[in-house]
Amino acid sequence: MARRWARWGDRWPASGRLEGVSYSNRSNRTEDRGLGQRQIEKSLAGGETPDRNAPFEHIFDLEELFEQENNPIFCMDAKKKERPGRLYRDGRAWTTAPQQAFDHDFPSWSEGVIIPHGIYDPQLNHGHVNIGLSHDTSQFACESLVWFWEHWGQEHYPDAEEILLECDAGGSNNCRHKILKRTCSRP
């Protein structure tokens, strides 16, 4: 049997027909068979991992220990880089007039780059965000942590002997970077 149409899609020739099959005829045939445009769902598990909860239980035990000894627990992470300037952004803002943006978001049209780096203390529910203007580096992460400790942490944890630092281990927070280890281990 010969193929009745060459490809599946929303674009049709100017005649509105593809090799003799009208749009309404095709629609009826596909709907009768339960065919339709659908998004792929990420719903399949990648498999079971033995002791999957072991690292999380270890972190939970450390958190309890640090809380009992009144030592600080800080979580830190860098967030998505933003490009300031007249570039389009999703969402809404309260303004007195419509805001205009370029029709394309070329990086060269931005006014630089902004990297938000956050540090959060879950025990006291306090957070701080440093804004970097160049790159998300380990040195930037370390300087953010040192600034946070010197300007806020020491005041609230004067008797602290240790700091539990929770990072996602990606980018500037990577535990394999020597600068992060050196900076965090110095007195």
C-alpha atoms as a PDB file:
ATOM      1  CA  MET A   1       0.000   0.000   0.000  1.00  0.00           C
ATOM      2  CA  ALA A   2       1.344   3.412  -0.923  1.00  0.00           C
ATOM      3  CA  ARG A   3       1.949   6.037   1.734  1.00  0.00           C
ATOM      4  CA  ARG A   4      -0.851   8.616   1.682  1.00  0.00           C
ATOM      5  CA  TRP A   5       1.105  11.488   3.230  1.00  0.00           C
ATOM      6  CA  ALA A   6       4.774  12.204   3.432  1.00  0.00           C
ATOM      7  CA  ARG A   7       5.055  13.677   6.917  1.00  0.00           C
ATOM      8  CA  TRP A   8       3.028  14.447   9.994  1.00  0.00           C
ATOM      9  CA  GLY A   9       2.725  18.093  10.978  1.00  0.00           C
ATOM     10  CA  ASP A  10       0.617  21.208  11.189  1.00  0.00           C
ATOM     11  CA  ARG A  11       1.766  22.788   7.925  1.00  0.00           C
ATOM     12  CA  TRP A  12      -0.291  22.022   4.862  1.00  0.00           C
ATOM     13  CA  PRO A  13       0.203  22.919   1.218  1.00  0.00           C
ATOM     14  CA  ALA A  14      -1.670  25.965  -0.062  1.00  0.00           C
ATOM     15  CA  SER A  15      -4.368  23.684  -1.521  1.00  0.00           C
ATOM     16  CA  GLY A  16      -5.203  22.404   1.966  1.00  0.00           C
ATOM     17  CA  ARG A  17      -4.785  18.812   0.830  1.00  0.00           C
ATOM     18  CA  LEU A  18      -1.940  16.378   1.012  1.00  0.00           C
ATOM     19  CA  GLU A  19      -1.991  13.679  -1.669  1.00  0.00           C
ATOM     20  CA  GLY A  20      -5.776  13.665  -1.838  1.00  0.00           C
ATOM     21  CA  VAL A  21      -6.525  13.461   1.900  1.00  0.00           C
ATOM     22  CA  SER A  22      -8.418  16.452   3.269  1.00  0.00           C
ATOM     23  CA  TYR A  23      -7.664  17.942   6.682  1.00  0.00           C
ATOM     24  CA  SER A  24     -11.060  16.959   8.115  1.00  0.00           C
ATOM     25  CA  ASN A  25     -10.691  13.382   6.845  1.00  0.00           C
ATOM     26  CA  ARG A  26      -7.215  13.116   8.416  1.00  0.00           C
ATOM     27  CA  SER A  27      -8.469  14.601  11.709  1.00  0.00           C
ATOM     28  CA  ASN A  28     -11.306  12.097  11.935  1.00  0.00           C
ATOM     29  CA  ARG A  29      -8.994   9.178  11.270  1.00  0.00           C
ATOM     30  CA  THR A  30      -6.424  10.246  13.878  1.00  0.00           C
ATOM     31  CA  GLU A  31      -8.992  11.063  16.582  1.00  0.00           C
ATOM     32  CA  ASP A  32     -10.727   7.708  16.053  1.00  0.00           C
ATOM     33  CA  ARG A  33      -7.417   5.969  16.733  1.00  0.00           C
ATOM     34  CA  GLY A  34      -6.656   8.034  19.851  1.00  0.00           C
ATOM     35  CA  LEU A  35      -3.774   9.867  18.206  1.00  0.00           C
ATOM     36  CA  GLY A  36      -2.989  13.436  19.166  1.00  0.00           C
ATOM     37  CA  GLN A  37      -0.142  15.804  19.920  1.00  0.00           C
ATOM     38  CA  ARG A  38       1.241  15.073  23.355  1.00  0.00           C
ATOM     39  CA  GLN A  39       4.213  16.135  25.435  1.00  0.00           C
ATOM     40  CA  ILE A  40       6.627  13.441  26.586  1.00  0.00           C
ATOM     41  CA  GLU A  41       6.236  12.787  30.314  1.00  0.00           C
ATOM     42  CA  LYS A  42       9.221  12.129  32.561  1.00  0.00           C
ATOM     43  CA  SER A  43       7.526   9.472  34.642  1.00  0.00           C
ATOM     44  CA  LEU A  44       9.762   6.395  34.381  1.00  0.00           C
ATOM     45  CA  ALA A  45      12.096   5.657  37.274  1.00  0.00           C
ATOM     46  CA  GLY A  46      15.711   5.116  36.312  1.00  0.00           C
ATOM     47  CA  GLY A  47      15.997   2.088  38.555  1.00  0.00           C
ATOM     48  CA  GLU A  48      16.560   1.245  42.176  1.00  0.00           C
ATOM     49  CA  THR A  49      19.777   2.292  43.875  1.00  0.00           C
ATOM     50  CA  PRO A  50      20.864   0.369  46.936  1.00  0.00           C
ATOM     51  CA  ASP A  51      21.205   2.601  50.019  1.00  0.00           C
ATOM     52  CA  ARG A  52      19.748   5.584  48.172  1.00  0.00           C
ATOM     53  CA  ASN A  53      18.762   7.217  51.444  1.00  0.00           C
ATOM     54  CA  ALA A  54      22.116   6.653  53.188  1.00  0.00           C
ATOM     55  CA  PRO A  55      23.658  10.040  52.210  1.00  0.00           C
ATOM     56  CA  PHE A  56      20.502  11.912  53.233  1.00  0.00           C
ATOM     57  CA  GLU A  57      20.352  10.099  56.566  1.00  0.00           C
ATOM     58  CA  HIS A  58      23.996  10.998  57.168  1.00  0.00           C
ATOM     59  CA  ILE A  59      23.291  14.683  56.445  1.00  0.00           C
ATOM     60  CA  PHE A  60      20.250  14.583  58.739  1.00  0.00           C
ATOM     61  CA  ASP A  61      22.381  13.087  61.552  1.00  0.00           C
ATOM     62  CA  LEU A  62      25.017  15.802  61.058  1.00  0.00           C
ATOM     63  CA  GLU A  63      22.345  18.516  61.168  1.00  0.00           C
ATOM     64  CA  GLU A  64      20.985  17.166  64.462  1.00  0.00           C
ATOM     65  CA  LEU A  65      24.493  17.042  65.942  1.00  0.00           C
ATOM     66  CA  PHE A  66      25.298  20.612  64.874  1.00  0.00           C
ATOM     67  CA  GLU A  67      21.988  21.906  66.230  1.00  0.00           C
ATOM     68  CA  GLN A  68      22.625  20.218  69.616  1.00  0.00           C
ATOM     69  CA  GLU A  69      26.096  21.790  69.855  1.00  0.00           C
ATOM     70  CA  ASN A  70      24.781  25.212  68.691  1.00  0.00           C
ATOM     71  CA  ASN A  71      27.072  25.196  65.678  1.00  0.00           C
ATOM     72  CA  PRO A  72      25.838  26.866  62.481  1.00  0.00           C
ATOM     73  CA  ILE A  73      24.424  25.090  59.452  1.00  0.00           C
ATOM     74  CA  PHE A  74      24.658  27.064  56.220  1.00  0.00           C
ATOM     75  CA  CYS A  75      23.301  26.137  52.790  1.00  0.00           C
ATOM     76  CA  MET A  76      24.838  27.875  49.806  1.00  0.00           C
ATOM     77  CA  ASP A  77      24.206  27.858  46.095  1.00  0.00           C
ATOM     78  CA  ALA A  78      24.559  30.030  43.019  1.00  0.00           C
ATOM     79  CA  LYS A  79      21.441  30.664  40.974  1.00  0.00           C
ATOM     80  CA  LYS A  80      20.795  31.238  37.287  1.00  0.00           C
ATOM     81  CA  LYS A  81      22.862  33.957  35.685  1.00  0.00           C
ATOM     82  CA  GLU A  82      20.844  36.950  34.597  1.00  0.00           C
ATOM     83  CA  ARG A  83      21.702  39.403  31.873  1.00  0.00           C
ATOM     84  CA  PRO A  84      20.652  42.950  32.786  1.00  0.00           C
ATOM     85  CA  GLY A  85      19.460  45.349  30.147  1.00  0.00           C
ATOM     86  CA  ARG A  86      16.513  45.634  27.824  1.00  0.00           C
ATOM     87  CA  LEU A  87      16.138  41.884  27.286  1.00  0.00           C
ATOM     88  CA  TYR A  88      12.879  39.979  27.522  1.00  0.00           C
ATOM     89  CA  ARG A  89      12.004  38.184  30.762  1.00  0.00           C
ATOM     90  CA  ASP A  90       9.009  35.988  31.538  1.00  0.00           C
ATOM     91  CA  GLY A  91       6.624  37.195  34.182  1.00  0.00           C
ATOM     92  CA  ARG A  92       4.976  40.457  35.126  1.00  0.00           C
ATOM     93  CA  ALA A  93       6.113  43.579  36.955  1.00  0.00           C
ATOM     94  CA  TRP A  94       4.305  46.489  38.584  1.00  0.00           C
ATOM     95  CA  THR A  95       5.081  49.525  36.457  1.00  0.00           C
ATOM     96  CA  THR A  96       3.430  52.781  35.464  1.00  0.00           C
ATOM     97  CA  ALA A  97       4.008  52.147  31.743  1.00  0.00           C
ATOM     98  CA  PRO A  98       4.735  49.182  29.475  1.00  0.00           C
ATOM     99  CA  GLN A  99       8.369  48.099  29.418  1.00  0.00           C
ATOM    100  CA  GLN A 100      10.099  47.621  26.080  1.00  0.00           C
ATOM    101  CA  ALA A 101      12.646  44.934  25.263  1.00  0.00           C
ATOM    102  CA  PHE A 102      14.719  43.986  22.233  1.00  0.00           C
ATOM    103  CA  ASP A 103      13.114  41.517  19.844  1.00  0.00           C
ATOM    104  CA  HIS A 104      16.098  39.142  20.293  1.00  0.00           C
ATOM    105  CA  ASP A 105      18.090  38.331  23.431  1.00  0.00           C
ATOM    106  CA  PHE A 106      21.647  38.385  22.160  1.00  0.00           C
ATOM    107  CA  PRO A 107      24.166  38.229  25.036  1.00  0.00           C
ATOM    108  CA  SER A 108      26.153  41.030  23.385  1.00  0.00           C
ATOM    109  CA  TRP A 109      23.131  43.335  23.817  1.00  0.00           C
ATOM    110  CA  SER A 110      23.061  42.879  27.585  1.00  0.00           C
ATOM    111  CA  GLU A 111      24.778  45.181  30.024  1.00  0.00           C
ATOM    112  CA  GLY A 112      26.930  42.430  31.529  1.00  0.00           C
ATOM    113  CA  VAL A 113      26.010  39.464  33.680  1.00  0.00           C
ATOM    114  CA  ILE A 114      24.705  39.120  37.240  1.00  0.00           C
ATOM    115  CA  ILE A 115      25.313  35.977  39.294  1.00  0.00           C
ATOM    116  CA  PRO A 116      23.257  35.683  42.491  1.00  0.00           C
ATOM    117  CA  HIS A 117      24.977  33.572  45.148  1.00  0.00           C
ATOM    118  CA  GLY A 118      22.910  32.790  48.217  1.00  0.00           C
ATOM    119  CA  ILE A 119      23.746  31.607  51.713  1.00  0.00           C
ATOM    120  CA  TYR A 120      20.946  30.500  54.014  1.00  0.00           C
ATOM    121  CA  ASP A 121      20.853  29.630  57.716  1.00  0.00           C
ATOM    122  CA  PRO A 122      17.920  27.219  58.256  1.00  0.00           C
ATOM    123  CA  GLN A 123      18.241  27.378  62.059  1.00  0.00           C
ATOM    124  CA  LEU A 124      17.608  31.128  62.245  1.00  0.00           C
ATOM    125  CA  ASN A 125      15.708  31.348  58.938  1.00  0.00           C
ATOM    126  CA  HIS A 126      18.046  34.017  57.626  1.00  0.00           C
ATOM    127  CA  GLY A 127      19.487  34.342  54.142  1.00  0.00           C
ATOM    128  CA  HIS A 128      21.891  36.588  52.292  1.00  0.00           C
ATOM    129  CA  VAL A 129      22.496  37.051  48.579  1.00  0.00           C
ATOM    130  CA  ASN A 130      25.736  38.351  47.075  1.00  0.00           C
ATOM    131  CA  ILE A 131      25.630  39.567  43.492  1.00  0.00           C
ATOM    132  CA  GLY A 132      28.626  38.738  41.338  1.00  0.00           C
ATOM    133  CA  LEU A 133      29.380  40.681  38.187  1.00  0.00           C
ATOM    134  CA  SER A 134      31.736  38.406  36.280  1.00  0.00           C
ATOM    135  CA  HIS A 135      31.881  34.625  36.745  1.00  0.00           C
ATOM    136  CA  ASP A 136      30.541  31.986  39.116  1.00  0.00           C
ATOM    137  CA  THR A 137      33.883  30.837  40.521  1.00  0.00           C
ATOM    138  CA  SER A 138      34.976  29.041  43.672  1.00  0.00           C
ATOM    139  CA  GLN A 139      36.766  32.205  44.741  1.00  0.00           C
ATOM    140  CA  PHE A 140      33.484  34.125  44.519  1.00  0.00           C
ATOM    141  CA  ALA A 141      31.691  31.424  46.553  1.00  0.00           C
ATOM    142  CA  CYS A 142      34.430  31.552  49.196  1.00  0.00           C
ATOM    143  CA  GLU A 143      34.385  35.343  49.401  1.00  0.00           C
ATOM    144  CA  SER A 144      30.588  35.235  49.810  1.00  0.00           C
ATOM    145  CA  LEU A 145      30.896  32.732  52.639  1.00  0.00           C
ATOM    146  CA  VAL A 146      33.683  34.661  54.391  1.00  0.00           C
ATOM    147  CA  TRP A 147      31.723  37.922  54.123  1.00  0.00           C
ATOM    148  CA  PHE A 148      28.581  36.255  55.482  1.00  0.00           C
ATOM    149  CA  TRP A 149      30.481  34.739  58.398  1.00  0.00           C
ATOM    150  CA  GLU A 150      32.319  37.936  59.313  1.00  0.00           C
ATOM    151  CA  HIS A 151      29.263  40.225  59.032  1.00  0.00           C
ATOM    152  CA  TRP A 152      26.514  37.960  60.326  1.00  0.00           C
ATOM    153  CA  GLY A 153      27.566  34.468  61.389  1.00  0.00           C
ATOM    154  CA  GLN A 154      30.076  35.357  64.110  1.00  0.00           C
ATOM    155  CA  GLU A 155      27.530  37.630  65.788  1.00  0.00           C
ATOM    156  CA  HIS A 156      24.883  34.897  65.989  1.00  0.00           C
ATOM    157  CA  TYR A 157      27.226  31.958  66.675  1.00  0.00           C
ATOM    158  CA  PRO A 158      30.018  33.425  68.857  1.00  0.00           C
ATOM    159  CA  ASP A 159      30.914  30.043  70.405  1.00  0.00           C
ATOM    160  CA  ALA A 160      30.850  28.041  67.167  1.00  0.00           C
ATOM    161  CA  GLU A 161      33.650  25.548  66.722  1.00  0.00           C
ATOM    162  CA  GLU A 162      32.534  24.127  63.381  1.00  0.00           C
ATOM    163  CA  ILE A 163      30.304  25.081  60.449  1.00  0.00           C
ATOM    164  CA  LEU A 164      28.231  22.551  58.535  1.00  0.00           C
ATOM    165  CA  LEU A 165      28.203  23.797  54.956  1.00  0.00           C
ATOM    166  CA  GLU A 166      25.663  22.176  52.644  1.00  0.00           C
ATOM    167  CA  CYS A 167      26.342  22.657  48.933  1.00  0.00           C
ATOM    168  CA  ASP A 168      25.000  21.033  45.782  1.00  0.00           C
ATOM    169  CA  ALA A 169      28.608  20.288  44.693  1.00  0.00           C
ATOM    170  CA  GLY A 170      28.155  21.837  41.263  1.00  0.00           C
ATOM    171  CA  GLY A 171      29.909  24.793  39.669  1.00  0.00           C
ATOM    172  CA  SER A 172      31.558  27.091  42.205  1.00  0.00           C
ATOM    173  CA  ASN A 173      30.438  24.927  45.148  1.00  0.00           C
ATOM    174  CA  ASN A 174      32.192  21.838  43.831  1.00  0.00           C
ATOM    175  CA  CYS A 175      33.842  19.937  46.672  1.00  0.00           C
ATOM    176  CA  ARG A 176      36.686  18.944  44.332  1.00  0.00           C
ATOM    177  CA  HIS A 177      37.869  22.538  43.976  1.00  0.00           C
ATOM    178  CA  LYS A 178      40.875  23.064  46.227  1.00  0.00           C
ATOM    179  CA  ILE A 179      40.165  26.759  46.819  1.00  0.00           C
ATOM    180  CA  LEU A 180      36.818  25.952  48.441  1.00  0.00           C
ATOM    181  CA  LYS A 181      38.421  23.327  50.679  1.00  0.00           C
ATOM    182  CA  ARG A 182      41.329  25.614  51.641  1.00  0.00           C
ATOM    183  CA  THR A 183      39.107  28.591  52.414  1.00  0.00           C
ATOM    184  CA  CYS A 184      36.594  26.590  54.411  1.00  0.00           C
ATOM    185  CA  SER A 185      39.223  24.758  56.458  1.00  0.00           C
ATOM    186  CA  ARG A 186      41.238  27.792  57.577  1.00  0.00           C
ATOM    187  CA  PRO A 187      40.622  29.217  61.071  1.00  0.00           C
END
